Amino acid sequence: MVTDSRLDEVETLLQRVSRWAEQRSDVRALGLVGSWAGGASDLDSDVDVVLLTDMPSYYIERDDWFNALEGGHLVRMLPWGAITQRRFRLPGGLEVEFGVGACLGRGRRA
C-alpha cells in the first residue's frame, strides 16, 4: 500500500522532472512507465521514467543533471539494447530509474 507521504514524494518528483524536461531543448520525450504508470505501485516501487533525447551520452555519462533535479546518488547503470538504465536513490530512499535512449526522429515536441 502506498502512503500519502510516498504519493506526495512521487508527484513532486514527477512535476520537477516534467518542468526540467520542458526547459531542455535536447529532450524529445519523457514518459512514466512501470508500476506507477499502471496504477500497481506499492511502498517499495521505484519510479520508472523513459527519457528520449538528442544527446543520450550526456545523460549516460554524467550525474550532474540528476543532482540538479533531485539530489541522490547513482545505484546502478546497465545497458538494455537501445536504452541505458540509470537508477538513482533519493535521500528519502525512493529509487528512480531513467531509461535513457536516443530519439530517432526529429519530430515536433508535444
PDB file of N, CA and C in Angstrom:
ATOM      1  N   MET A   1       0.837  -1.180   0.000  1.00  0.00           N
ATOM      2  CA  MET A   1       0.000   0.000   0.000  1.00  0.00           C
ATOM      3  C   MET A   1       0.889   1.252   0.000  1.00  0.00           C
ATOM      4  N   VAL A   2       0.516   2.214  -0.806  1.00  0.00           N
ATOM      5  CA  VAL A   2       1.277   3.456  -0.921  1.00  0.00           C
ATOM      6  C   VAL A   2       0.745   4.460   0.106  1.00  0.00           C
ATOM      7  N   THR A   3       1.657   5.027   0.864  1.00  0.00           N
ATOM      8  CA  THR A   3       1.259   6.034   1.847  1.00  0.00           C
ATOM      9  C   THR A   3       1.050   7.379   1.162  1.00  0.00           C
ATOM     10  N   ASP A   4       0.325   8.268   1.819  1.00  0.00           N
ATOM     11  CA  ASP A   4       0.138   9.625   1.288  1.00  0.00           C
ATOM     12  C   ASP A   4       1.474  10.330   1.139  1.00  0.00           C
ATOM     13  N   SER A   5       2.374  10.083   2.072  1.00  0.00           N
ATOM     14  CA  SER A   5       3.701  10.701   2.019  1.00  0.00           C
ATOM     15  C   SER A   5       4.466  10.259   0.770  1.00  0.00           C
ATOM     16  N   ARG A   6       4.434   8.964   0.458  1.00  0.00           N
ATOM     17  CA  ARG A   6       5.136   8.463  -0.730  1.00  0.00           C
ATOM     18  C   ARG A   6       4.477   8.982  -2.000  1.00  0.00           C
ATOM     19  N   LEU A   7       3.155   9.025  -2.006  1.00  0.00           N
ATOM     20  CA  LEU A   7       2.432   9.550  -3.156  1.00  0.00           C
ATOM     21  C   LEU A   7       2.808  11.009  -3.409  1.00  0.00           C
ATOM     22  N   ASP A   8       2.877  11.812  -2.360  1.00  0.00           N
ATOM     23  CA  ASP A   8       3.293  13.212  -2.482  1.00  0.00           C
ATOM     24  C   ASP A   8       4.725  13.317  -2.995  1.00  0.00           C
ATOM     25  N   GLU A   9       5.599  12.448  -2.496  1.00  0.00           N
ATOM     26  CA  GLU A   9       7.003  12.450  -2.916  1.00  0.00           C
ATOM     27  C   GLU A   9       7.128  12.151  -4.409  1.00  0.00           C
ATOM     28  N   VAL A  10       6.376  11.165  -4.887  1.00  0.00           N
ATOM     29  CA  VAL A  10       6.431  10.791  -6.300  1.00  0.00           C
ATOM     30  C   VAL A  10       5.826  11.894  -7.169  1.00  0.00           C
ATOM     31  N   GLU A  11       4.702  12.444  -6.750  1.00  0.00           N
ATOM     32  CA  GLU A  11       4.085  13.533  -7.521  1.00  0.00           C
ATOM     33  C   GLU A  11       5.018  14.735  -7.622  1.00  0.00           C
ATOM     34  N   THR A  12       5.666  15.092  -6.526  1.00  0.00           N
ATOM     35  CA  THR A  12       6.617  16.213  -6.540  1.00  0.00           C
ATOM     36  C   THR A  12       7.778  15.918  -7.478  1.00  0.00           C
ATOM     37  N   LEU A  13       8.303  14.707  -7.419  1.00  0.00           N
ATOM     38  CA  LEU A  13       9.393  14.305  -8.303  1.00  0.00           C
ATOM     39  C   LEU A  13       8.973  14.409  -9.761  1.00  0.00           C
ATOM     40  N   LEU A  14       7.815  13.883 -10.107  1.00  0.00           N
ATOM     41  CA  LEU A  14       7.365  13.889 -11.492  1.00  0.00           C
ATOM     42  C   LEU A  14       7.110  15.304 -11.998  1.00  0.00           C
ATOM     43  N   GLN A  15       6.594  16.167 -11.163  1.00  0.00           N
ATOM     44  CA  GLN A  15       6.411  17.568 -11.554  1.00  0.00           C
ATOM     45  C   GLN A  15       7.752  18.234 -11.811  1.00  0.00           C
ATOM     46  N   ARG A  16       8.720  17.969 -10.949  1.00  0.00           N
ATOM     47  CA  ARG A  16      10.051  18.557 -11.103  1.00  0.00           C
ATOM     48  C   ARG A  16      10.719  18.055 -12.384  1.00  0.00           C
ATOM     49  N   VAL A  17      10.614  16.754 -12.632  1.00  0.00           N
ATOM     50  CA  VAL A  17      11.214  16.171 -13.834  1.00  0.00           C
ATOM     51  C   VAL A  17      10.539  16.731 -15.084  1.00  0.00           C
ATOM     52  N   SER A  18       9.224  16.872 -15.062  1.00  0.00           N
ATOM     53  CA  SER A  18       8.498  17.422 -16.214  1.00  0.00           C
ATOM     54  C   SER A  18       8.910  18.861 -16.507  1.00  0.00           C
ATOM     55  N   ARG A  19       8.987  19.684 -15.477  1.00  0.00           N
ATOM     56  CA  ARG A  19       9.409  21.086 -15.671  1.00  0.00           C
ATOM     57  C   ARG A  19      10.837  21.144 -16.202  1.00  0.00           C
ATOM     58  N   TRP A  20      11.696  20.301 -15.673  1.00  0.00           N
ATOM     59  CA  TRP A  20      13.085  20.256 -16.121  1.00  0.00           C
ATOM     60  C   TRP A  20      13.149  19.878 -17.603  1.00  0.00           C
ATOM     61  N   ALA A  21      12.400  18.838 -17.999  1.00  0.00           N
ATOM     62  CA  ALA A  21      12.437  18.362 -19.384  1.00  0.00           C
ATOM     63  C   ALA A  21      11.921  19.414 -20.354  1.00  0.00           C
ATOM     64  N   GLU A  22      10.924  20.174 -19.941  1.00  0.00           N
ATOM     65  CA  GLU A  22      10.382  21.229 -20.804  1.00  0.00           C
ATOM     66  C   GLU A  22      11.413  22.302 -21.110  1.00  0.00           C
ATOM     67  N   GLN A  23      12.392  22.476 -20.258  1.00  0.00           N
ATOM     68  CA  GLN A  23      13.426  23.500 -20.437  1.00  0.00           C
ATOM     69  C   GLN A  23      14.634  22.990 -21.216  1.00  0.00           C
ATOM     70  N   ARG A  24      14.676  21.701 -21.505  1.00  0.00           N
ATOM     71  CA  ARG A  24      15.810  21.102 -22.202  1.00  0.00           C
ATOM     72  C   ARG A  24      15.465  20.929 -23.677  1.00  0.00           C
ATOM     73  N   SER A  25      16.159  21.638 -24.553  1.00  0.00           N
ATOM     74  CA  SER A  25      15.866  21.554 -25.983  1.00  0.00           C
ATOM     75  C   SER A  25      16.233  20.195 -26.582  1.00  0.00           C
ATOM     76  N   ASP A  26      17.108  19.434 -25.935  1.00  0.00           N
ATOM     77  CA  ASP A  26      17.516  18.126 -26.449  1.00  0.00           C
ATOM     78  C   ASP A  26      16.569  17.000 -26.037  1.00  0.00           C
ATOM     79  N   VAL A  27      15.717  17.225 -25.058  1.00  0.00           N
ATOM     80  CA  VAL A  27      14.790  16.191 -24.612  1.00  0.00           C
ATOM     81  C   VAL A  27      13.588  16.176 -25.551  1.00  0.00           C
ATOM     82  N   ARG A  28      13.364  15.031 -26.182  1.00  0.00           N
ATOM     83  CA  ARG A  28      12.285  14.890 -27.159  1.00  0.00           C
ATOM     84  C   ARG A  28      11.055  14.211 -26.575  1.00  0.00           C
ATOM     85  N   ALA A  29      11.251  13.346 -25.589  1.00  0.00           N
ATOM     86  CA  ALA A  29      10.113  12.658 -24.975  1.00  0.00           C
ATOM     87  C   ALA A  29      10.484  12.229 -23.569  1.00  0.00           C
ATOM     88  N   LEU A  30       9.482  12.240 -22.727  1.00  0.00           N
ATOM     89  CA  LEU A  30       9.631  11.821 -21.345  1.00  0.00           C
ATOM     90  C   LEU A  30       8.369  11.041 -21.003  1.00  0.00           C
ATOM     91  N   GLY A  31       8.521   9.838 -20.506  1.00  0.00           N
ATOM     92  CA  GLY A  31       7.342   9.030 -20.223  1.00  0.00           C
ATOM     93  C   GLY A  31       7.466   8.263 -18.931  1.00  0.00           C
ATOM     94  N   LEU A  32       6.389   8.203 -18.195  1.00  0.00           N
ATOM     95  CA  LEU A  32       6.300   7.393 -16.985  1.00  0.00           C
ATOM     96  C   LEU A  32       5.858   5.999 -17.401  1.00  0.00           C
ATOM     97  N   VAL A  33       6.586   4.990 -16.977  1.00  0.00           N
ATOM     98  CA  VAL A  33       6.268   3.604 -17.290  1.00  0.00           C
ATOM     99  C   VAL A  33       6.327   2.787 -15.991  1.00  0.00           C
ATOM    100  N   GLY A  34       6.014   1.530 -16.080  1.00  0.00           N
ATOM    101  CA  GLY A  34       6.123   0.661 -14.916  1.00  0.00           C
ATOM    102  C   GLY A  34       4.926   0.746 -13.992  1.00  0.00           C
ATOM    103  N   SER A  35       5.137   0.357 -12.742  1.00  0.00           N
ATOM    104  CA  SER A  35       4.038   0.219 -11.798  1.00  0.00           C
ATOM    105  C   SER A  35       3.348   1.536 -11.467  1.00  0.00           C
ATOM    106  N   TRP A  36       4.097   2.648 -11.425  1.00  0.00           N
ATOM    107  CA  TRP A  36       3.457   3.937 -11.141  1.00  0.00           C
ATOM    108  C   TRP A  36       2.565   4.367 -12.296  1.00  0.00           C
ATOM    109  N   ALA A  37       2.962   4.061 -13.509  1.00  0.00           N
ATOM    110  CA  ALA A  37       2.127   4.397 -14.666  1.00  0.00           C
ATOM    111  C   ALA A  37       0.904   3.505 -14.744  1.00  0.00           C
ATOM    112  N   GLY A  38       1.044   2.256 -14.326  1.00  0.00           N
ATOM    113  CA  GLY A  38      -0.039   1.303 -14.444  1.00  0.00           C
ATOM    114  C   GLY A  38      -0.953   1.221 -13.233  1.00  0.00           C
ATOM    115  N   GLY A  39      -0.677   2.041 -12.215  1.00  0.00           N
ATOM    116  CA  GLY A  39      -1.519   2.038 -11.030  1.00  0.00           C
ATOM    117  C   GLY A  39      -1.332   0.825 -10.141  1.00  0.00           C
ATOM    118  N   ALA A  40      -0.187   0.162 -10.254  1.00  0.00           N
ATOM    119  CA  ALA A  40       0.063  -1.041  -9.463  1.00  0.00           C
ATOM    120  C   ALA A  40       1.219  -0.850  -8.481  1.00  0.00           C
ATOM    121  N   SER A  41       1.519   0.387  -8.130  1.00  0.00           N
ATOM    122  CA  SER A  41       2.661   0.660  -7.263  1.00  0.00           C
ATOM    123  C   SER A  41       2.348   0.330  -5.810  1.00  0.00           C
ATOM    124  N   ASP A  42       3.415   0.052  -5.072  1.00  0.00           N
ATOM    125  CA  ASP A  42       3.314  -0.099  -3.630  1.00  0.00           C
ATOM    126  C   ASP A  42       4.431   0.712  -2.997  1.00  0.00           C
ATOM    127  N   LEU A  43       4.575   0.621  -1.698  1.00  0.00           N
ATOM    128  CA  LEU A  43       5.538   1.463  -0.990  1.00  0.00           C
ATOM    129  C   LEU A  43       6.978   1.240  -1.466  1.00  0.00           C
ATOM    130  N   ASP A  44       7.288   0.030  -1.940  1.00  0.00           N
ATOM    131  CA  ASP A  44       8.655  -0.283  -2.367  1.00  0.00           C
ATOM    132  C   ASP A  44       8.886  -0.089  -3.861  1.00  0.00           C
ATOM    133  N   SER A  45       7.881   0.362  -4.592  1.00  0.00           N
ATOM    134  CA  SER A  45       8.017   0.525  -6.044  1.00  0.00           C
ATOM    135  C   SER A  45       8.949   1.673  -6.385  1.00  0.00           C
ATOM    136  N   ASP A  46       9.799   1.436  -7.379  1.00  0.00           N
ATOM    137  CA  ASP A  46      10.613   2.526  -7.899  1.00  0.00           C
ATOM    138  C   ASP A  46       9.783   3.305  -8.921  1.00  0.00           C
ATOM    139  N   VAL A  47      10.307   4.443  -9.325  1.00  0.00           N
ATOM    140  CA  VAL A  47       9.666   5.273 -10.350  1.00  0.00           C
ATOM    141  C   VAL A  47      10.458   5.070 -11.632  1.00  0.00           C
ATOM    142  N   ASP A  48       9.784   4.602 -12.675  1.00  0.00           N
ATOM    143  CA  ASP A  48      10.433   4.309 -13.949  1.00  0.00           C
ATOM    144  C   ASP A  48      10.077   5.376 -14.974  1.00  0.00           C
ATOM    145  N   VAL A  49      11.105   6.023 -15.502  1.00  0.00           N
ATOM    146  CA  VAL A  49      10.929   7.106 -16.465  1.00  0.00           C
ATOM    147  C   VAL A  49      11.773   6.805 -17.697  1.00  0.00           C
ATOM    148  N   VAL A  50      11.184   6.968 -18.877  1.00  0.00           N
ATOM    149  CA  VAL A  50      11.942   6.848 -20.128  1.00  0.00           C
ATOM    150  C   VAL A  50      12.245   8.259 -20.610  1.00  0.00           C
ATOM    151  N   LEU A  51      13.501   8.498 -20.930  1.00  0.00           N
ATOM    152  CA  LEU A  51      13.984   9.801 -21.395  1.00  0.00           C
ATOM    153  C   LEU A  51      14.594   9.616 -22.778  1.00  0.00           C
ATOM    154  N   LEU A  52      13.954  10.188 -23.798  1.00  0.00           N
ATOM    155  CA  LEU A  52      14.489  10.137 -25.163  1.00  0.00           C
ATOM    156  C   LEU A  52      15.051  11.510 -25.500  1.00  0.00           C
ATOM    157  N   THR A  53      16.262  11.520 -26.005  1.00  0.00           N
ATOM    158  CA  THR A  53      16.995  12.762 -26.188  1.00  0.00           C
ATOM    159  C   THR A  53      17.885  12.717 -27.421  1.00  0.00           C
ATOM    160  N   ASP A  54      18.255  13.899 -27.883  1.00  0.00           N
ATOM    161  CA  ASP A  54      19.228  14.013 -28.969  1.00  0.00           C
ATOM    162  C   ASP A  54      20.652  13.794 -28.458  1.00  0.00           C
ATOM    163  N   MET A  55      20.850  13.844 -27.146  1.00  0.00           N
ATOM    164  CA  MET A  55      22.192  13.743 -26.543  1.00  0.00           C
ATOM    165  C   MET A  55      22.234  12.662 -25.459  1.00  0.00           C
ATOM    166  N   PRO A  56      21.987  11.395 -25.791  1.00  0.00           N
ATOM    167  CA  PRO A  56      21.946  10.368 -24.744  1.00  0.00           C
ATOM    168  C   PRO A  56      23.257  10.228 -23.970  1.00  0.00           C
ATOM    169  N   SER A  57      24.388  10.446 -24.607  1.00  0.00           N
ATOM    170  CA  SER A  57      25.664  10.287 -23.901  1.00  0.00           C
ATOM    171  C   SER A  57      25.785  11.257 -22.727  1.00  0.00           C
ATOM    172  N   TYR A  58      25.207  12.436 -22.855  1.00  0.00           N
ATOM    173  CA  TYR A  58      25.244  13.405 -21.751  1.00  0.00           C
ATOM    174  C   TYR A  58      24.592  12.814 -20.500  1.00  0.00           C
ATOM    175  N   TYR A  59      23.439  12.179 -20.661  1.00  0.00           N
ATOM    176  CA  TYR A  59      22.689  11.637 -19.529  1.00  0.00           C
ATOM    177  C   TYR A  59      23.213  10.288 -19.061  1.00  0.00           C
ATOM    178  N   ILE A  60      23.933   9.595 -19.932  1.00  0.00           N
ATOM    179  CA  ILE A  60      24.505   8.305 -19.579  1.00  0.00           C
ATOM    180  C   ILE A  60      25.842   8.470 -18.860  1.00  0.00           C
ATOM    181  N   GLU A  61      26.641   9.424 -19.287  1.00  0.00           N
ATOM    182  CA  GLU A  61      28.000   9.576 -18.767  1.00  0.00           C
ATOM    183  C   GLU A  61      28.122  10.527 -17.584  1.00  0.00           C
ATOM    184  N   ARG A  62      27.096  11.316 -17.328  1.00  0.00           N
ATOM    185  CA  ARG A  62      27.185  12.331 -16.277  1.00  0.00           C
ATOM    186  C   ARG A  62      26.060  12.156 -15.262  1.00  0.00           C
ATOM    187  N   ASP A  63      26.304  12.627 -14.031  1.00  0.00           N
ATOM    188  CA  ASP A  63      25.294  12.579 -12.976  1.00  0.00           C
ATOM    189  C   ASP A  63      24.778  13.956 -12.591  1.00  0.00           C
ATOM    190  N   ASP A  64      25.456  15.017 -13.017  1.00  0.00           N
ATOM    191  CA  ASP A  64      25.085  16.355 -12.558  1.00  0.00           C
ATOM    192  C   ASP A  64      23.660  16.742 -12.949  1.00  0.00           C
ATOM    193  N   TRP A  65      23.160  16.255 -14.079  1.00  0.00           N
ATOM    194  CA  TRP A  65      21.790  16.575 -14.488  1.00  0.00           C
ATOM    195  C   TRP A  65      20.782  16.040 -13.485  1.00  0.00           C
ATOM    196  N   PHE A  66      21.016  14.859 -12.943  1.00  0.00           N
ATOM    197  CA  PHE A  66      20.089  14.314 -11.965  1.00  0.00           C
ATOM    198  C   PHE A  66      20.243  15.000 -10.614  1.00  0.00           C
ATOM    199  N   ASN A  67      21.464  15.305 -10.239  1.00  0.00           N
ATOM    200  CA  ASN A  67      21.692  16.006  -8.980  1.00  0.00           C
ATOM    201  C   ASN A  67      20.997  17.363  -8.981  1.00  0.00           C
ATOM    202  N   ALA A  68      20.968  18.027 -10.132  1.00  0.00           N
ATOM    203  CA  ALA A  68      20.275  19.311 -10.236  1.00  0.00           C
ATOM    204  C   ALA A  68      18.761  19.136 -10.120  1.00  0.00           C
ATOM    205  N   LEU A  69      18.272  17.965 -10.493  1.00  0.00           N
ATOM    206  CA  LEU A  69      16.841  17.682 -10.417  1.00  0.00           C
ATOM    207  C   LEU A  69      16.377  17.402  -8.995  1.00  0.00           C
ATOM    208  N   GLU A  70      17.045  16.499  -8.347  1.00  0.00           N
ATOM    209  CA  GLU A  70      16.508  15.971  -7.095  1.00  0.00           C
ATOM    210  C   GLU A  70      17.559  15.678  -6.045  1.00  0.00           C
ATOM    211  N   GLY A  71      18.778  15.471  -6.444  1.00  0.00           N
ATOM    212  CA  GLY A  71      19.782  15.001  -5.495  1.00  0.00           C
ATOM    213  C   GLY A  71      19.691  13.489  -5.401  1.00  0.00           C
ATOM    214  N   GLY A  72      20.618  12.904  -4.741  1.00  0.00           N
ATOM    215  CA  GLY A  72      20.646  11.455  -4.647  1.00  0.00           C
ATOM    216  C   GLY A  72      21.913  10.921  -5.262  1.00  0.00           C
ATOM    217  N   HIS A  73      22.017   9.611  -5.326  1.00  0.00           N
ATOM    218  CA  HIS A  73      23.238   9.031  -5.883  1.00  0.00           C
ATOM    219  C   HIS A  73      22.908   7.854  -6.794  1.00  0.00           C
ATOM    220  N   LEU A  74      23.827   7.608  -7.710  1.00  0.00           N
ATOM    221  CA  LEU A  74      23.674   6.536  -8.679  1.00  0.00           C
ATOM    222  C   LEU A  74      23.815   5.189  -7.972  1.00  0.00           C
ATOM    223  N   VAL A  75      22.860   4.308  -8.207  1.00  0.00           N
ATOM    224  CA  VAL A  75      22.878   2.971  -7.637  1.00  0.00           C
ATOM    225  C   VAL A  75      23.438   1.974  -8.650  1.00  0.00           C
ATOM    226  N   ARG A  76      22.969   2.109  -9.916  1.00  0.00           N
ATOM    227  CA  ARG A  76      23.492   1.213 -10.950  1.00  0.00           C
ATOM    228  C   ARG A  76      23.198   1.778 -12.331  1.00  0.00           C
ATOM    229  N   MET A  77      23.976   1.269 -13.277  1.00  0.00           N
ATOM    230  CA  MET A  77      23.790   1.621 -14.678  1.00  0.00           C
ATOM    231  C   MET A  77      23.956   0.340 -15.486  1.00  0.00           C
ATOM    232  N   LEU A  78      22.971   0.067 -16.352  1.00  0.00           N
ATOM    233  CA  LEU A  78      23.001  -1.141 -17.173  1.00  0.00           C
ATOM    234  C   LEU A  78      22.531  -0.822 -18.582  1.00  0.00           C
ATOM    235  N   PRO A  79      23.208  -1.359 -19.595  1.00  0.00           N
ATOM    236  CA  PRO A  79      22.691  -1.215 -20.963  1.00  0.00           C
ATOM    237  C   PRO A  79      21.572  -2.219 -21.206  1.00  0.00           C
ATOM    238  N   TRP A  80      20.512  -1.774 -21.856  1.00  0.00           N
ATOM    239  CA  TRP A  80      19.384  -2.619 -22.240  1.00  0.00           C
ATOM    240  C   TRP A  80      19.080  -2.351 -23.705  1.00  0.00           C
ATOM    241  N   GLY A  81      19.895  -2.812 -24.598  1.00  0.00           N
ATOM    242  CA  GLY A  81      19.692  -2.579 -26.025  1.00  0.00           C
ATOM    243  C   GLY A  81      19.829  -1.106 -26.353  1.00  0.00           C
ATOM    244  N   ALA A  82      18.766  -0.508 -26.864  1.00  0.00           N
ATOM    245  CA  ALA A  82      18.806   0.899 -27.264  1.00  0.00           C
ATOM    246  C   ALA A  82      18.664   1.850 -26.080  1.00  0.00           C
ATOM    247  N   ILE A  83      18.378   1.317 -24.905  1.00  0.00           N
ATOM    248  CA  ILE A  83      18.173   2.127 -23.696  1.00  0.00           C
ATOM    249  C   ILE A  83      19.268   1.797 -22.684  1.00  0.00           C
ATOM    250  N   THR A  84      19.745   2.795 -21.976  1.00  0.00           N
ATOM    251  CA  THR A  84      20.645   2.576 -20.854  1.00  0.00           C
ATOM    252  C   THR A  84      19.914   2.938 -19.578  1.00  0.00           C
ATOM    253  N   GLN A  85      19.874   1.998 -18.664  1.00  0.00           N
ATOM    254  CA  GLN A  85      19.206   2.194 -17.386  1.00  0.00           C
ATOM    255  C   GLN A  85      20.142   2.902 -16.412  1.00  0.00           C
ATOM    256  N   ARG A  86      19.639   3.988 -15.826  1.00  0.00           N
ATOM    257  CA  ARG A  86      20.371   4.695 -14.772  1.00  0.00           C
ATOM    258  C   ARG A  86      19.453   4.782 -13.564  1.00  0.00           C
ATOM    259  N   ARG A  87      19.810   4.101 -12.500  1.00  0.00           N
ATOM    260  CA  ARG A  87      18.991   4.046 -11.286  1.00  0.00           C
ATOM    261  C   ARG A  87      19.640   4.894 -10.197  1.00  0.00           C
ATOM    262  N   PHE A  88      18.836   5.824  -9.677  1.00  0.00           N
ATOM    263  CA  PHE A  88      19.288   6.714  -8.615  1.00  0.00           C
ATOM    264  C   PHE A  88      18.470   6.469  -7.353  1.00  0.00           C
ATOM    265  N   ARG A  89      19.094   6.638  -6.194  1.00  0.00           N
ATOM    266  CA  ARG A  89      18.387   6.561  -4.923  1.00  0.00           C
ATOM    267  C   ARG A  89      18.356   7.957  -4.314  1.00  0.00           C
ATOM    268  N   LEU A  90      17.149   8.416  -4.019  1.00  0.00           N
ATOM    269  CA  LEU A  90      16.967   9.728  -3.411  1.00  0.00           C
ATOM    270  C   LEU A  90      17.287   9.669  -1.921  1.00  0.00           C
ATOM    271  N   PRO A  91      17.539  10.820  -1.304  1.00  0.00           N
ATOM    272  CA  PRO A  91      17.876  10.818   0.127  1.00  0.00           C
ATOM    273  C   PRO A  91      16.820  10.127   1.000  1.00  0.00           C
ATOM    274  N   GLY A  92      15.548  10.184   0.630  1.00  0.00           N
ATOM    275  CA  GLY A  92      14.491   9.541   1.412  1.00  0.00           C
ATOM    276  C   GLY A  92      14.333   8.056   1.142  1.00  0.00           C
ATOM    277  N   GLY A  93      15.122   7.497   0.210  1.00  0.00           N
ATOM    278  CA  GLY A  93      15.078   6.071  -0.079  1.00  0.00           C
ATOM    279  C   GLY A  93      14.357   5.703  -1.376  1.00  0.00           C
ATOM    280  N   LEU A  94      13.556   6.596  -1.912  1.00  0.00           N
ATOM    281  CA  LEU A  94      12.862   6.319  -3.170  1.00  0.00           C
ATOM    282  C   LEU A  94      13.884   6.152  -4.287  1.00  0.00           C
ATOM    283  N   GLU A  95      13.688   5.123  -5.113  1.00  0.00           N
ATOM    284  CA  GLU A  95      14.576   4.915  -6.249  1.00  0.00           C
ATOM    285  C   GLU A  95      13.878   5.331  -7.531  1.00  0.00           C
ATOM    286  N   VAL A  96      14.662   5.996  -8.401  1.00  0.00           N
ATOM    287  CA  VAL A  96      14.169   6.486  -9.680  1.00  0.00           C
ATOM    288  C   VAL A  96      15.045   5.873 -10.764  1.00  0.00           C
ATOM    289  N   GLU A  97      14.406   5.238 -11.729  1.00  0.00           N
ATOM    290  CA  GLU A  97      15.137   4.607 -12.813  1.00  0.00           C
ATOM    291  C   GLU A  97      14.825   5.336 -14.110  1.00  0.00           C
ATOM    292  N   PHE A  98      15.861   5.909 -14.701  1.00  0.00           N
ATOM    293  CA  PHE A  98      15.724   6.557 -16.001  1.00  0.00           C
ATOM    294  C   PHE A  98      16.228   5.595 -17.061  1.00  0.00           C
ATOM    295  N   GLY A  99      15.403   5.333 -18.061  1.00  0.00           N
ATOM    296  CA  GLY A  99      15.828   4.605 -19.240  1.00  0.00           C
ATOM    297  C   GLY A  99      16.165   5.645 -20.292  1.00  0.00           C
ATOM    298  N   VAL A 100      17.441   5.842 -20.554  1.00  0.00           N
ATOM    299  CA  VAL A 100      17.908   6.902 -21.451  1.00  0.00           C
ATOM    300  C   VAL A 100      18.163   6.316 -22.828  1.00  0.00           C
ATOM    301  N   GLY A 101      17.579   6.953 -23.841  1.00  0.00           N
ATOM    302  CA  GLY A 101      17.773   6.489 -25.200  1.00  0.00           C
ATOM    303  C   GLY A 101      17.804   7.638 -26.183  1.00  0.00           C
ATOM    304  N   ALA A 102      18.288   7.340 -27.378  1.00  0.00           N
ATOM    305  CA  ALA A 102      18.365   8.340 -28.438  1.00  0.00           C
ATOM    306  C   ALA A 102      17.010   8.494 -29.099  1.00  0.00           C
ATOM    307  N   CYS A 103      16.695   9.713 -29.444  1.00  0.00           N
ATOM    308  CA  CYS A 103      15.484   9.992 -30.210  1.00  0.00           C
ATOM    309  C   CYS A 103      15.839   9.761 -31.673  1.00  0.00           C
ATOM    310  N   LEU A 104      15.123   8.853 -32.314  1.00  0.00           N
ATOM    311  CA  LEU A 104      15.452   8.508 -33.685  1.00  0.00           C
ATOM    312  C   LEU A 104      14.848   9.455 -34.704  1.00  0.00           C
ATOM    313  N   GLY A 105      13.774  10.101 -34.340  1.00  0.00           N
ATOM    314  CA  GLY A 105      13.116  11.024 -35.251  1.00  0.00           C
ATOM    315  C   GLY A 105      13.362  12.463 -34.843  1.00  0.00           C
ATOM    316  N   ARG A 106      13.074  13.368 -35.710  1.00  0.00           N
ATOM    317  CA  ARG A 106      13.235  14.793 -35.424  1.00  0.00           C
ATOM    318  C   ARG A 106      11.881  15.476 -35.437  1.00  0.00           C
ATOM    319  N   GLY A 107      10.887  14.806 -34.881  1.00  0.00           N
ATOM    320  CA  GLY A 107       9.532  15.357 -34.863  1.00  0.00           C
ATOM    321  C   GLY A 107       9.407  16.540 -33.919  1.00  0.00           C
ATOM    322  N   ARG A 108       8.237  17.138 -33.968  1.00  0.00           N
ATOM    323  CA  ARG A 108       7.978  18.280 -33.095  1.00  0.00           C
ATOM    324  C   ARG A 108       7.776  17.822 -31.682  1.00  0.00           C
ATOM    325  N   ARG A 109       8.118  18.693 -30.758  1.00  0.00           N
ATOM    326  CA  ARG A 109       7.866  18.412 -29.342  1.00  0.00           C
ATOM    327  C   ARG A 109       6.396  18.607 -29.060  1.00  0.00           C
ATOM    328  N   ALA A 110       5.862  17.728 -28.241  1.00  0.00           N
ATOM    329  CA  ALA A 110       4.450  17.842 -27.834  1.00  0.00           C
ATOM    330  C   ALA A 110       4.316  18.846 -26.706  1.00  0.00           C
TER     331      ALA A 110
END
